PDB file of N, CA and C in Angstrom:
ATOM      1  N   MET A   1      -5.756  -1.468   3.194  1.00  0.00           N
ATOM      2  CA  MET A   1      -4.341  -1.401   2.921  1.00  0.00           C
ATOM      3  C   MET A   1      -4.136  -1.759   1.464  1.00  0.00           C
ATOM      4  N   ILE A   2      -3.383  -0.967   0.793  1.00  0.00           N
ATOM      5  CA  ILE A   2      -3.033  -1.249  -0.595  1.00  0.00           C
ATOM      6  C   ILE A   2      -1.516  -1.231  -0.685  1.00  0.00           C
ATOM      7  N   THR A   3      -0.958  -2.255  -1.263  1.00  0.00           N
ATOM      8  CA  THR A   3       0.479  -2.299  -1.502  1.00  0.00           C
ATOM      9  C   THR A   3       0.686  -2.295  -3.001  1.00  0.00           C
ATOM     10  N   VAL A   4       1.703  -1.582  -3.436  1.00  0.00           N
ATOM     11  CA  VAL A   4       1.873  -1.493  -4.881  1.00  0.00           C
ATOM     12  C   VAL A   4       3.295  -1.094  -5.243  1.00  0.00           C
ATOM     13  N   TYR A   5       3.721  -1.477  -6.399  1.00  0.00           N
ATOM     14  CA  TYR A   5       4.925  -0.924  -6.982  1.00  0.00           C
ATOM     15  C   TYR A   5       4.551  -0.356  -8.337  1.00  0.00           C
ATOM     16  N   VAL A   6       5.457   0.324  -8.954  1.00  0.00           N
ATOM     17  CA  VAL A   6       5.142   1.252 -10.045  1.00  0.00           C
ATOM     18  C   VAL A   6       4.335   0.641 -11.191  1.00  0.00           C
ATOM     19  N   SER A   7       4.541  -0.596 -11.558  1.00  0.00           N
ATOM     20  CA  SER A   7       3.830  -1.162 -12.707  1.00  0.00           C
ATOM     21  C   SER A   7       2.335  -1.341 -12.445  1.00  0.00           C
ATOM     22  N   PHE A   8       1.908  -1.287 -11.207  1.00  0.00           N
ATOM     23  CA  PHE A   8       0.506  -1.464 -10.860  1.00  0.00           C
ATOM     24  C   PHE A   8      -0.139  -0.176 -10.352  1.00  0.00           C
ATOM     25  N   PHE A   9       0.531   0.943 -10.494  1.00  0.00           N
ATOM     26  CA  PHE A   9       0.057   2.181  -9.894  1.00  0.00           C
ATOM     27  C   PHE A   9      -1.299   2.631 -10.425  1.00  0.00           C
ATOM     28  N   ALA A  10      -1.491   2.611 -11.725  1.00  0.00           N
ATOM     29  CA  ALA A  10      -2.770   3.063 -12.304  1.00  0.00           C
ATOM     30  C   ALA A  10      -3.928   2.211 -11.794  1.00  0.00           C
ATOM     31  N   ALA A  11      -3.730   0.913 -11.713  1.00  0.00           N
ATOM     32  CA  ALA A  11      -4.779   0.028 -11.195  1.00  0.00           C
ATOM     33  C   ALA A  11      -5.049   0.311  -9.720  1.00  0.00           C
ATOM     34  N   ALA A  12      -4.016   0.631  -8.963  1.00  0.00           N
ATOM     35  CA  ALA A  12      -4.192   0.944  -7.544  1.00  0.00           C
ATOM     36  C   ALA A  12      -4.996   2.220  -7.358  1.00  0.00           C
ATOM     37  N   VAL A  13      -4.715   3.225  -8.160  1.00  0.00           N
ATOM     38  CA  VAL A  13      -5.472   4.485  -8.076  1.00  0.00           C
ATOM     39  C   VAL A  13      -6.936   4.229  -8.437  1.00  0.00           C
ATOM     40  N   ALA A  14      -7.189   3.400  -9.433  1.00  0.00           N
ATOM     41  CA  ALA A  14      -8.564   3.054  -9.792  1.00  0.00           C
ATOM     42  C   ALA A  14      -9.257   2.324  -8.648  1.00  0.00           C
ATOM     43  N   ALA A  15      -8.553   1.433  -7.961  1.00  0.00           N
ATOM     44  CA  ALA A  15      -9.130   0.720  -6.822  1.00  0.00           C
ATOM     45  C   ALA A  15      -9.449   1.690  -5.685  1.00  0.00           C
ATOM     46  N   ILE A  16      -8.553   2.627  -5.425  1.00  0.00           N
ATOM     47  CA  ILE A  16      -8.788   3.635  -4.389  1.00  0.00           C
ATOM     48  C   ILE A  16     -10.035   4.442  -4.710  1.00  0.00           C
ATOM     49  N   THR A  17     -10.152   4.882  -5.943  1.00  0.00           N
ATOM     50  CA  THR A  17     -11.314   5.665  -6.370  1.00  0.00           C
ATOM     51  C   THR A  17     -12.603   4.870  -6.177  1.00  0.00           C
ATOM     52  N   SER A  18     -12.588   3.616  -6.531  1.00  0.00           N
ATOM     53  CA  SER A  18     -13.759   2.763  -6.392  1.00  0.00           C
ATOM     54  C   SER A  18     -14.149   2.588  -4.923  1.00  0.00           C
ATOM     55  N   VAL A  19     -13.170   2.324  -4.084  1.00  0.00           N
ATOM     56  CA  VAL A  19     -13.447   2.163  -2.650  1.00  0.00           C
ATOM     57  C   VAL A  19     -13.988   3.452  -2.068  1.00  0.00           C
ATOM     58  N   GLN A  20     -13.417   4.576  -2.437  1.00  0.00           N
ATOM     59  CA  GLN A  20     -13.871   5.855  -1.909  1.00  0.00           C
ATOM     60  C   GLN A  20     -15.305   6.166  -2.325  1.00  0.00           C
ATOM     61  N   LYS A  21     -15.709   5.750  -3.500  1.00  0.00           N
ATOM     62  CA  LYS A  21     -17.074   6.003  -3.968  1.00  0.00           C
ATOM     63  C   LYS A  21     -18.098   5.157  -3.226  1.00  0.00           C
ATOM     64  N   THR A  22     -17.735   3.930  -2.915  1.00  0.00           N
ATOM     65  CA  THR A  22     -18.702   3.009  -2.309  1.00  0.00           C
ATOM     66  C   THR A  22     -18.566   2.873  -0.803  1.00  0.00           C
ATOM     67  N   GLN A  23     -17.396   3.151  -0.274  1.00  0.00           N
ATOM     68  CA  GLN A  23     -17.124   2.974   1.157  1.00  0.00           C
ATOM     69  C   GLN A  23     -16.384   4.193   1.693  1.00  0.00           C
ATOM     70  N   ALA A  24     -17.026   5.321   1.680  1.00  0.00           N
ATOM     71  CA  ALA A  24     -16.365   6.587   2.020  1.00  0.00           C
ATOM     72  C   ALA A  24     -15.773   6.596   3.427  1.00  0.00           C
ATOM     73  N   PHE A  25     -16.277   5.773   4.317  1.00  0.00           N
ATOM     74  CA  PHE A  25     -15.821   5.753   5.705  1.00  0.00           C
ATOM     75  C   PHE A  25     -14.565   4.907   5.920  1.00  0.00           C
ATOM     76  N   VAL A  26     -14.154   4.148   4.921  1.00  0.00           N
ATOM     77  CA  VAL A  26     -13.020   3.236   5.052  1.00  0.00           C
ATOM     78  C   VAL A  26     -11.711   4.011   5.021  1.00  0.00           C
ATOM     79  N   LYS A  27     -10.840   3.695   5.975  1.00  0.00           N
ATOM     80  CA  LYS A  27      -9.505   4.303   6.001  1.00  0.00           C
ATOM     81  C   LYS A  27      -8.624   3.538   5.010  1.00  0.00           C
ATOM     82  N   ILE A  28      -7.968   4.264   4.129  1.00  0.00           N
ATOM     83  CA  ILE A  28      -7.094   3.645   3.135  1.00  0.00           C
ATOM     84  C   ILE A  28      -5.646   3.984   3.474  1.00  0.00           C
ATOM     85  N   ILE A  29      -4.861   2.944   3.681  1.00  0.00           N
ATOM     86  CA  ILE A  29      -3.431   3.098   3.940  1.00  0.00           C
ATOM     87  C   ILE A  29      -2.704   2.434   2.778  1.00  0.00           C
ATOM     88  N   PHE A  30      -1.885   3.203   2.121  1.00  0.00           N
ATOM     89  CA  PHE A  30      -1.219   2.774   0.897  1.00  0.00           C
ATOM     90  C   PHE A  30       0.250   2.520   1.207  1.00  0.00           C
ATOM     91  N   TYR A  31       0.696   1.291   1.028  1.00  0.00           N
ATOM     92  CA  TYR A  31       2.109   0.946   1.235  1.00  0.00           C
ATOM     93  C   TYR A  31       2.836   0.952  -0.104  1.00  0.00           C
ATOM     94  N   ASP A  32       3.859   1.741  -0.170  1.00  0.00           N
ATOM     95  CA  ASP A  32       4.696   1.882  -1.359  1.00  0.00           C
ATOM     96  C   ASP A  32       5.803   0.835  -1.330  1.00  0.00           C
ATOM     97  N   LEU A  33       5.864   0.044  -2.386  1.00  0.00           N
ATOM     98  CA  LEU A  33       6.912  -0.970  -2.510  1.00  0.00           C
ATOM     99  C   LEU A  33       7.931  -0.620  -3.582  1.00  0.00           C
ATOM    100  N   GLY A  34       7.925   0.638  -4.018  1.00  0.00           N
ATOM    101  CA  GLY A  34       8.907   1.045  -5.010  1.00  0.00           C
ATOM    102  C   GLY A  34       8.366   1.987  -6.070  1.00  0.00           C
ATOM    103  N   LEU A  35       7.548   2.929  -5.688  1.00  0.00           N
ATOM    104  CA  LEU A  35       7.017   3.898  -6.642  1.00  0.00           C
ATOM    105  C   LEU A  35       8.071   4.927  -7.020  1.00  0.00           C
ATOM    106  N   ASP A  36       7.901   5.507  -8.193  1.00  0.00           N
ATOM    107  CA  ASP A  36       8.762   6.627  -8.551  1.00  0.00           C
ATOM    108  C   ASP A  36       8.244   7.893  -7.865  1.00  0.00           C
ATOM    109  N   ARG A  37       9.036   8.935  -7.888  1.00  0.00           N
ATOM    110  CA  ARG A  37       8.717  10.170  -7.164  1.00  0.00           C
ATOM    111  C   ARG A  37       7.426  10.815  -7.673  1.00  0.00           C
ATOM    112  N   PHE A  38       7.205  10.780  -8.978  1.00  0.00           N
ATOM    113  CA  PHE A  38       5.987  11.357  -9.550  1.00  0.00           C
ATOM    114  C   PHE A  38       4.740  10.641  -9.022  1.00  0.00           C
ATOM    115  N   SER A  39       4.779   9.306  -8.978  1.00  0.00           N
ATOM    116  CA  SER A  39       3.637   8.536  -8.486  1.00  0.00           C
ATOM    117  C   SER A  39       3.373   8.819  -7.009  1.00  0.00           C
ATOM    118  N   VAL A  40       4.428   8.946  -6.223  1.00  0.00           N
ATOM    119  CA  VAL A  40       4.267   9.279  -4.801  1.00  0.00           C
ATOM    120  C   VAL A  40       3.583  10.635  -4.654  1.00  0.00           C
ATOM    121  N   MET A  41       4.025  11.617  -5.426  1.00  0.00           N
ATOM    122  CA  MET A  41       3.421  12.952  -5.354  1.00  0.00           C
ATOM    123  C   MET A  41       1.952  12.889  -5.765  1.00  0.00           C
ATOM    124  N   GLN A  42       1.647  12.142  -6.792  1.00  0.00           N
ATOM    125  CA  GLN A  42       0.262  11.991  -7.230  1.00  0.00           C
ATOM    126  C   GLN A  42      -0.584  11.323  -6.143  1.00  0.00           C
ATOM    127  N   LEU A  43      -0.052  10.289  -5.539  1.00  0.00           N
ATOM    128  CA  LEU A  43      -0.764   9.569  -4.487  1.00  0.00           C
ATOM    129  C   LEU A  43      -1.052  10.473  -3.294  1.00  0.00           C
ATOM    130  N   GLN A  44      -0.098  11.303  -2.937  1.00  0.00           N
ATOM    131  CA  GLN A  44      -0.245  12.156  -1.771  1.00  0.00           C
ATOM    132  C   GLN A  44      -1.294  13.256  -1.968  1.00  0.00           C
ATOM    133  N   THR A  45      -1.765  13.441  -3.194  1.00  0.00           N
ATOM    134  CA  THR A  45      -2.827  14.417  -3.437  1.00  0.00           C
ATOM    135  C   THR A  45      -4.216  13.814  -3.264  1.00  0.00           C
ATOM    136  N   LEU A  46      -4.304  12.495  -3.148  1.00  0.00           N
ATOM    137  CA  LEU A  46      -5.601  11.839  -3.017  1.00  0.00           C
ATOM    138  C   LEU A  46      -6.145  12.032  -1.602  1.00  0.00           C
ATOM    139  N   CYS A  47      -7.386  12.445  -1.518  1.00  0.00           N
ATOM    140  CA  CYS A  47      -8.047  12.662  -0.229  1.00  0.00           C
ATOM    141  C   CYS A  47      -8.294  11.337   0.481  1.00  0.00           C
ATOM    142  N   GLY A  48      -8.077  11.324   1.774  1.00  0.00           N
ATOM    143  CA  GLY A  48      -8.419  10.155   2.572  1.00  0.00           C
ATOM    144  C   GLY A  48      -7.474   8.983   2.432  1.00  0.00           C
ATOM    145  N   VAL A  49      -6.309   9.192   1.851  1.00  0.00           N
ATOM    146  CA  VAL A  49      -5.338   8.112   1.668  1.00  0.00           C
ATOM    147  C   VAL A  49      -4.087   8.439   2.473  1.00  0.00           C
ATOM    148  N   GLN A  50      -3.701   7.493   3.313  1.00  0.00           N
ATOM    149  CA  GLN A  50      -2.468   7.665   4.092  1.00  0.00           C
ATOM    150  C   GLN A  50      -1.353   6.890   3.386  1.00  0.00           C
ATOM    151  N   TYR A  51      -0.278   7.571   3.060  1.00  0.00           N
ATOM    152  CA  TYR A  51       0.856   6.990   2.334  1.00  0.00           C
ATOM    153  C   TYR A  51       1.903   6.491   3.322  1.00  0.00           C
ATOM    154  N   ARG A  52       2.385   5.290   3.091  1.00  0.00           N
ATOM    155  CA  ARG A  52       3.501   4.744   3.873  1.00  0.00           C
ATOM    156  C   ARG A  52       4.446   4.016   2.925  1.00  0.00           C
ATOM    157  N   ALA A  53       5.721   4.191   3.142  1.00  0.00           N
ATOM    158  CA  ALA A  53       6.723   3.455   2.371  1.00  0.00           C
ATOM    159  C   ALA A  53       7.283   2.347   3.255  1.00  0.00           C
ATOM    160  N   LEU A  54       7.397   1.166   2.711  1.00  0.00           N
ATOM    161  CA  LEU A  54       8.005   0.068   3.456  1.00  0.00           C
ATOM    162  C   LEU A  54       9.515   0.282   3.473  1.00  0.00           C
ATOM    163  N   ASN A  55      10.094   0.320   4.646  1.00  0.00           N
ATOM    164  CA  ASN A  55      11.541   0.499   4.779  1.00  0.00           C
ATOM    165  C   ASN A  55      12.205  -0.882   4.705  1.00  0.00           C
ATOM    166  N   PHE A  56      12.636  -1.236   3.517  1.00  0.00           N
ATOM    167  CA  PHE A  56      13.218  -2.554   3.304  1.00  0.00           C
ATOM    168  C   PHE A  56      14.490  -2.770   4.122  1.00  0.00           C
ATOM    169  N   ASP A  57      15.154  -1.707   4.519  1.00  0.00           N
ATOM    170  CA  ASP A  57      16.380  -1.828   5.310  1.00  0.00           C
ATOM    171  C   ASP A  57      16.126  -2.433   6.691  1.00  0.00           C
ATOM    172  N   ASP A  58      14.884  -2.409   7.140  1.00  0.00           N
ATOM    173  CA  ASP A  58      14.536  -2.960   8.452  1.00  0.00           C
ATOM    174  C   ASP A  58      14.338  -4.470   8.434  1.00  0.00           C
ATOM    175  N   TYR A  59      14.407  -5.085   7.266  1.00  0.00           N
ATOM    176  CA  TYR A  59      14.060  -6.492   7.128  1.00  0.00           C
ATOM    177  C   TYR A  59      15.143  -7.246   6.366  1.00  0.00           C
ATOM    178  N   PRO A  60      15.123  -8.591   6.451  1.00  0.00           N
ATOM    179  CA  PRO A  60      16.114  -9.384   5.715  1.00  0.00           C
ATOM    180  C   PRO A  60      16.085  -9.090   4.214  1.00  0.00           C
ATOM    181  N   SER A  61      17.181  -9.358   3.548  1.00  0.00           N
ATOM    182  CA  SER A  61      17.334  -8.987   2.146  1.00  0.00           C
ATOM    183  C   SER A  61      16.312  -9.647   1.225  1.00  0.00           C
ATOM    184  N   HIS A  62      15.827 -10.830   1.550  1.00  0.00           N
ATOM    185  CA  HIS A  62      14.872 -11.501   0.666  1.00  0.00           C
ATOM    186  C   HIS A  62      13.538 -10.757   0.566  1.00  0.00           C
ATOM    187  N   VAL A  63      13.248  -9.876   1.512  1.00  0.00           N
ATOM    188  CA  VAL A  63      11.998  -9.113   1.483  1.00  0.00           C
ATOM    189  C   VAL A  63      11.991  -8.148   0.297  1.00  0.00           C
ATOM    190  N   ARG A  64      13.159  -7.741  -0.161  1.00  0.00           N
ATOM    191  CA  ARG A  64      13.260  -6.831  -1.316  1.00  0.00           C
ATOM    192  C   ARG A  64      12.789  -7.479  -2.620  1.00  0.00           C
ATOM    193  N   ASN A  65      12.798  -8.796  -2.675  1.00  0.00           N
ATOM    194  CA  ASN A  65      12.320  -9.506  -3.861  1.00  0.00           C
ATOM    195  C   ASN A  65      10.791  -9.505  -3.813  1.00  0.00           C
ATOM    196  N   LEU A  66      10.186  -8.586  -4.555  1.00  0.00           N
ATOM    197  CA  LEU A  66       8.736  -8.405  -4.488  1.00  0.00           C
ATOM    198  C   LEU A  66       7.964  -9.614  -5.001  1.00  0.00           C
ATOM    199  N   ASN A  67       8.598 -10.442  -5.802  1.00  0.00           N
ATOM    200  CA  ASN A  67       7.912 -11.601  -6.376  1.00  0.00           C
ATOM    201  C   ASN A  67       7.682 -12.734  -5.389  1.00  0.00           C
ATOM    202  N   ASN A  68       8.387 -12.732  -4.267  1.00  0.00           N
ATOM    203  CA  ASN A  68       8.164 -13.802  -3.290  1.00  0.00           C
ATOM    204  C   ASN A  68       7.171 -13.412  -2.194  1.00  0.00           C
ATOM    205  N   TYR A  69       6.693 -12.178  -2.226  1.00  0.00           N
ATOM    206  CA  TYR A  69       5.649 -11.681  -1.326  1.00  0.00           C
ATOM    207  C   TYR A  69       6.014 -11.757   0.164  1.00  0.00           C
ATOM    208  N   ALA A  70       7.293 -11.804   0.480  1.00  0.00           N
ATOM    209  CA  ALA A  70       7.710 -11.820   1.886  1.00  0.00           C
ATOM    210  C   ALA A  70       7.339 -10.524   2.598  1.00  0.00           C
ATOM    211  N   TRP A  71       7.127  -9.472   1.853  1.00  0.00           N
ATOM    212  CA  TRP A  71       6.737  -8.179   2.419  1.00  0.00           C
ATOM    213  C   TRP A  71       5.298  -8.178   2.925  1.00  0.00           C
ATOM    214  N   LYS A  72       4.460  -9.034   2.349  1.00  0.00           N
ATOM    215  CA  LYS A  72       3.029  -8.998   2.662  1.00  0.00           C
ATOM    216  C   LYS A  72       2.723  -9.317   4.129  1.00  0.00           C
ATOM    217  N   PRO A  73       3.226 -10.425   4.701  1.00  0.00           N
ATOM    218  CA  PRO A  73       2.928 -10.673   6.118  1.00  0.00           C
ATOM    219  C   PRO A  73       3.527  -9.615   7.045  1.00  0.00           C
ATOM    220  N   ILE A  74       4.617  -9.002   6.631  1.00  0.00           N
ATOM    221  CA  ILE A  74       5.222  -7.934   7.434  1.00  0.00           C
ATOM    222  C   ILE A  74       4.273  -6.744   7.512  1.00  0.00           C
ATOM    223  N   ILE A  75       3.737  -6.341   6.385  1.00  0.00           N
ATOM    224  CA  ILE A  75       2.825  -5.195   6.367  1.00  0.00           C
ATOM    225  C   ILE A  75       1.543  -5.522   7.132  1.00  0.00           C
ATOM    226  N   ILE A  76       1.017  -6.719   6.946  1.00  0.00           N
ATOM    227  CA  ILE A  76      -0.192  -7.104   7.681  1.00  0.00           C
ATOM    228  C   ILE A  76       0.077  -7.102   9.182  1.00  0.00           C
ATOM    229  N   MET A  77       1.230  -7.622   9.606  1.00  0.00           N
ATOM    230  CA  MET A  77       1.584  -7.623  11.027  1.00  0.00           C
ATOM    231  C   MET A  77       1.639  -6.199  11.579  1.00  0.00           C
ATOM    232  N   VAL A  78       2.270  -5.296  10.842  1.00  0.00           N
ATOM    233  CA  VAL A  78       2.357  -3.898  11.282  1.00  0.00           C
ATOM    234  C   VAL A  78       0.963  -3.296  11.387  1.00  0.00           C
ATOM    235  N   MET A  79       0.132  -3.533  10.383  1.00  0.00           N
ATOM    236  CA  MET A  79      -1.229  -2.985  10.392  1.00  0.00           C
ATOM    237  C   MET A  79      -2.030  -3.486  11.589  1.00  0.00           C
ATOM    238  N   LEU A  80      -1.899  -4.774  11.897  1.00  0.00           N
ATOM    239  CA  LEU A  80      -2.683  -5.351  12.990  1.00  0.00           C
ATOM    240  C   LEU A  80      -2.201  -4.899  14.365  1.00  0.00           C
ATOM    241  N   GLN A  81      -1.057  -4.271  14.432  1.00  0.00           N
ATOM    242  CA  GLN A  81      -0.616  -3.673  15.694  1.00  0.00           C
ATOM    243  C   GLN A  81      -1.407  -2.407  15.994  1.00  0.00           C
ATOM    244  N   PHE A  82      -2.001  -1.801  14.974  1.00  0.00           N
ATOM    245  CA  PHE A  82      -2.713  -0.539  15.134  1.00  0.00           C
ATOM    246  C   PHE A  82      -4.214  -0.635  14.877  1.00  0.00           C
ATOM    247  N   TYR A  83      -4.641  -1.637  14.109  1.00  0.00           N
ATOM    248  CA  TYR A  83      -6.039  -1.758  13.725  1.00  0.00           C
ATOM    249  C   TYR A  83      -6.530  -3.167  14.018  1.00  0.00           C
ATOM    250  N   ILE A  84      -7.811  -3.290  14.278  1.00  0.00           N
ATOM    251  CA  ILE A  84      -8.382  -4.588  14.611  1.00  0.00           C
ATOM    252  C   ILE A  84      -8.469  -5.532  13.412  1.00  0.00           C
ATOM    253  N   SER A  85      -8.506  -4.944  12.224  1.00  0.00           N
ATOM    254  CA  SER A  85      -8.536  -5.749  11.012  1.00  0.00           C
ATOM    255  C   SER A  85      -7.927  -4.971   9.854  1.00  0.00           C
ATOM    256  N   CYS A  86      -7.606  -5.678   8.807  1.00  0.00           N
ATOM    257  CA  CYS A  86      -7.117  -5.012   7.600  1.00  0.00           C
ATOM    258  C   CYS A  86      -7.441  -5.894   6.406  1.00  0.00           C
ATOM    259  N   LEU A  87      -7.551  -5.266   5.274  1.00  0.00           N
ATOM    260  CA  LEU A  87      -7.817  -5.955   4.021  1.00  0.00           C
ATOM    261  C   LEU A  87      -6.701  -5.604   3.056  1.00  0.00           C
ATOM    262  N   SER A  88      -6.074  -6.599   2.521  1.00  0.00           N
ATOM    263  CA  SER A  88      -5.003  -6.375   1.568  1.00  0.00           C
ATOM    264  C   SER A  88      -5.550  -6.609   0.173  1.00  0.00           C
ATOM    265  N   LEU A  89      -5.577  -5.541  -0.621  1.00  0.00           N
ATOM    266  CA  LEU A  89      -6.053  -5.692  -1.992  1.00  0.00           C
ATOM    267  C   LEU A  89      -4.933  -6.200  -2.874  1.00  0.00           C
ATOM    268  N   PRO A  90      -5.220  -7.168  -3.720  1.00  0.00           N
ATOM    269  CA  PRO A  90      -4.171  -7.696  -4.592  1.00  0.00           C
ATOM    270  C   PRO A  90      -3.743  -6.657  -5.612  1.00  0.00           C
ATOM    271  N   GLN A  91      -2.494  -6.749  -6.010  1.00  0.00           N
ATOM    272  CA  GLN A  91      -2.001  -5.802  -7.013  1.00  0.00           C
ATOM    273  C   GLN A  91      -2.145  -6.339  -8.388  1.00  0.00           C
TER     274      GLN A  91
END
């Protein structure tokens, strides 16, 4: 699982490329925390990456403040409903 907003996009793409080279079997799920439309389109062209946008409207208003990381346990909780484990790469 990779979570990112626009200022970290280039680093996230580099991390995806690195993981794909060394761990081709790993499923990569990318959570968007506020990318621009161009970055989303670029991300959706990457092979083996599943794109998801966090719907902030589903959660309390403080989750929108990306600096307090309230979004992180929410995404991990959602992931663990579908997968036995997940790894959150830092942005």
